[in-house]
Amino acid sequence: MILKKGYTNTEYADFAVLANSKGMRLITKENGNVEMVEIIRPEPTYQELRRRAYPEILEQLDMIYWDKINGTNNWMTTITDIKNKYPKE
């Protein structure tokens, strides 16, 4: 896809959002045209996947607190499920 030079800022911004939503980036050619180019990203490691899946620390602390109060093990179950879903390589 090519966006010709002279487009308005709004049209360019809409195009940039579209490119970003498709995992692409915009580059400007020497002739002034703007082109969408695919960004090649490596597959995330298990550490990255786990990091994204873990609840925020404050939420985990709250889970631990309520587990102690209620005699439950929700925190342990949550963390174990994540570790099982994304095992070490």
Protein backbone atom coordinates (compact mmCIF):
# COMPACT_ATOMS: atom_id res chain seq x y z
CA MET A 1 0.00 0.00 0.00
CA ILE A 2 1.26 3.44 -0.80
CA LEU A 3 0.10 6.74 0.65
CA LYS A 4 0.92 9.55 -1.74
CA LYS A 5 2.69 12.67 -0.52
CA GLY A 6 0.21 15.45 0.14
CA TYR A 7 -2.28 13.51 2.24
CA THR A 8 -3.64 15.37 5.23
CA ASN A 9 -2.37 14.68 8.75
CA THR A 10 -5.69 13.00 9.58
CA GLU A 11 -5.43 10.63 6.62
CA TYR A 12 -1.81 9.89 7.49
CA ALA A 13 -2.74 9.26 11.13
CA ASP A 14 -5.54 6.88 10.10
CA PHE A 15 -3.10 5.04 7.84
CA ALA A 16 -0.54 4.84 10.67
CA VAL A 17 -3.16 3.34 13.01
CA LEU A 18 -4.10 0.80 10.33
CA ALA A 19 -0.44 -0.10 9.83
CA ASN A 20 0.13 -0.51 13.57
CA SER A 21 -2.98 -2.69 13.98
CA LYS A 22 -1.62 -5.03 11.30
CA GLY A 23 1.83 -5.24 12.90
CA MET A 24 3.41 -3.06 10.28
CA ARG A 25 5.31 0.22 10.23
CA LEU A 26 5.39 3.16 7.86
CA ILE A 27 8.51 4.15 5.98
CA THR A 28 8.97 7.22 3.82
CA LYS A 29 10.57 6.67 0.43
CA GLU A 30 12.94 9.13 -1.22
CA ASN A 31 10.17 10.18 -3.62
CA GLY A 32 7.99 11.21 -0.67
CA ASN A 33 5.63 8.22 -0.83
CA VAL A 34 4.85 6.41 2.40
CA GLU A 35 4.78 2.63 2.40
CA MET A 36 3.63 0.03 4.92
CA VAL A 37 6.27 -2.60 5.68
CA GLU A 38 5.74 -5.74 7.76
CA ILE A 39 7.61 -5.89 11.04
CA ILE A 40 9.17 -9.29 11.63
CA ARG A 41 9.05 -10.09 15.33
CA PRO A 42 10.63 -13.17 16.89
CA GLU A 43 8.39 -15.57 18.73
CA PRO A 44 8.15 -14.61 22.42
CA THR A 45 10.07 -16.77 24.89
CA TYR A 46 8.34 -18.64 27.69
CA GLN A 47 9.60 -15.96 30.11
CA GLU A 48 7.92 -13.21 28.09
CA LEU A 49 4.69 -15.19 27.82
CA ARG A 50 4.68 -15.87 31.56
CA ARG A 51 5.45 -12.24 32.37
CA ARG A 52 2.42 -11.13 30.33
CA ALA A 53 0.17 -13.75 31.94
CA TYR A 54 1.05 -13.13 35.59
CA PRO A 55 -1.32 -10.87 37.50
CA GLU A 56 0.08 -7.54 38.70
CA ILE A 57 2.12 -7.81 41.93
CA LEU A 58 -0.47 -5.88 43.98
CA GLU A 59 -3.18 -8.24 42.74
CA GLN A 60 -1.02 -11.25 43.67
CA LEU A 61 -0.43 -9.84 47.16
CA ASP A 62 -4.15 -9.33 47.57
CA MET A 63 -4.77 -12.92 46.44
CA ILE A 64 -2.22 -14.19 49.00
CA TYR A 65 -3.84 -12.13 51.76
CA TRP A 66 -7.33 -13.45 51.01
CA ASP A 67 -6.00 -17.00 50.68
CA LYS A 68 -4.66 -16.69 54.26
CA ILE A 69 -7.94 -15.22 55.54
CA ASN A 70 -10.19 -17.73 53.76
CA GLY A 71 -7.96 -20.81 53.88
CA THR A 72 -7.93 -21.03 50.08
CA ASN A 73 -5.13 -21.44 47.55
CA ASN A 74 -6.25 -19.22 44.64
CA TRP A 75 -2.83 -17.59 44.26
CA MET A 76 -1.04 -20.95 44.09
CA THR A 77 -3.57 -22.26 41.56
CA THR A 78 -3.27 -19.16 39.38
CA ILE A 79 0.54 -19.20 39.32
CA THR A 80 0.71 -22.97 38.78
CA ASP A 81 -1.72 -22.73 35.84
CA ILE A 82 0.46 -20.06 34.23
CA LYS A 83 3.65 -22.07 34.79
CA ASN A 84 1.97 -25.15 33.28
CA LYS A 85 0.66 -23.17 30.31
CA TYR A 86 4.13 -21.74 29.59
CA PRO A 87 6.64 -24.38 30.78
CA LYS A 88 10.38 -23.80 30.87
CA GLU A 89 12.07 -24.68 27.61
